[in-house]
């Protein structure tokens, strides 16, 4: 499975999980700038949730959490403020 297919499969799985937990999926792969794409925007009650999905075959190159950079967090925060 190539990286794009693996990433899409991870996002599909995340969406199904969130929906099962009562979240409403508002948007997927929303581009805010050339530097920022939000994988999933969801809503739970009155709160909007921005989800970054990191799907890995193994932790050999780090955990998904470790793959989220400071720049990614800053761009996501800026997008949420819009």
Protein backbone atom coordinates (compact mmCIF):
# COMPACT_ATOMS: atom_id res chain seq x y z
CA UNK A 1 0.00 0.00 0.00
CA UNK A 2 1.47 3.38 -0.95
CA UNK A 3 1.63 6.26 1.53
CA UNK A 4 -1.38 8.14 0.10
CA UNK A 5 -3.61 5.06 0.29
CA UNK A 6 -2.39 4.34 3.82
CA UNK A 7 -3.09 7.94 4.86
CA UNK A 8 -6.58 7.87 3.33
CA UNK A 9 -7.32 4.57 5.07
CA UNK A 10 -6.21 6.11 8.38
CA UNK A 11 -8.44 9.14 7.84
CA UNK A 12 -11.40 6.91 6.95
CA UNK A 13 -10.84 4.89 10.13
CA UNK A 14 -10.57 8.07 12.22
CA UNK A 15 -13.82 9.42 10.74
CA UNK A 16 -15.69 6.20 11.46
CA UNK A 17 -14.42 6.20 15.04
CA UNK A 18 -15.37 9.84 15.60
CA UNK A 19 -18.85 9.31 14.14
CA UNK A 20 -19.35 6.25 16.34
CA UNK A 21 -18.44 8.43 19.34
CA UNK A 22 -21.03 11.06 18.37
CA UNK A 23 -18.92 13.56 16.45
CA UNK A 24 -20.28 15.18 13.30
CA UNK A 25 -17.72 15.27 10.46
CA UNK A 26 -17.89 18.74 8.92
CA UNK A 27 -15.02 18.62 6.46
CA UNK A 28 -12.03 16.56 5.36
CA UNK A 29 -8.71 17.67 3.88
CA UNK A 30 -9.48 21.37 4.22
CA UNK A 31 -6.70 23.54 2.77
CA UNK A 32 -6.20 26.83 4.62
CA UNK A 33 -2.93 27.76 2.94
CA UNK A 34 -0.17 26.11 1.00
CA UNK A 35 1.30 25.17 4.38
CA UNK A 36 -1.81 23.97 6.19
CA UNK A 37 -4.25 21.18 5.52
CA UNK A 38 -6.59 20.01 8.27
CA UNK A 39 -7.30 16.28 7.87
CA UNK A 40 -10.66 16.28 9.67
CA UNK A 41 -12.82 19.06 11.05
CA UNK A 42 -15.48 17.67 13.34
CA UNK A 43 -18.02 19.00 15.79
CA UNK A 44 -18.96 17.56 19.16
CA UNK A 45 -21.82 19.34 20.87
CA UNK A 46 -20.79 23.01 20.59
CA UNK A 47 -17.06 22.42 20.09
CA UNK A 48 -15.17 22.28 16.80
CA UNK A 49 -12.39 19.69 16.71
CA UNK A 50 -9.39 19.85 14.36
CA UNK A 51 -7.89 16.40 13.80
CA UNK A 52 -4.45 15.63 12.37
CA UNK A 53 -4.26 11.95 11.37
CA UNK A 54 -0.88 10.21 11.27
CA UNK A 55 -1.10 6.63 10.05
CA UNK A 56 2.00 4.47 10.30
CA UNK A 57 2.81 0.88 9.40
CA UNK A 58 5.23 0.75 12.34
CA UNK A 59 6.94 2.99 14.88
CA UNK A 60 10.37 2.36 13.31
CA UNK A 61 10.66 6.03 12.30
CA UNK A 62 8.85 7.42 15.34
CA UNK A 63 5.32 7.44 16.67
CA UNK A 64 2.52 9.35 14.95
CA UNK A 65 2.62 11.89 17.80
CA UNK A 66 6.31 12.52 17.15
CA UNK A 67 5.51 13.28 13.50
CA UNK A 68 3.48 16.37 14.39
CA UNK A 69 5.81 19.32 14.08
CA UNK A 70 5.69 22.67 15.84
CA UNK A 71 4.98 24.29 12.47
CA UNK A 72 1.99 21.96 11.95
CA UNK A 73 0.59 22.97 15.34
CA UNK A 74 1.07 26.68 14.60
CA UNK A 75 -0.58 26.48 11.18
CA UNK A 76 -3.48 24.48 12.61
CA UNK A 77 -3.91 27.02 15.41
CA UNK A 78 -3.90 29.88 12.89
CA UNK A 79 -6.50 28.08 10.77
CA UNK A 80 -8.71 27.53 13.81
CA UNK A 81 -8.61 31.25 14.57
CA UNK A 82 -10.04 32.14 11.14
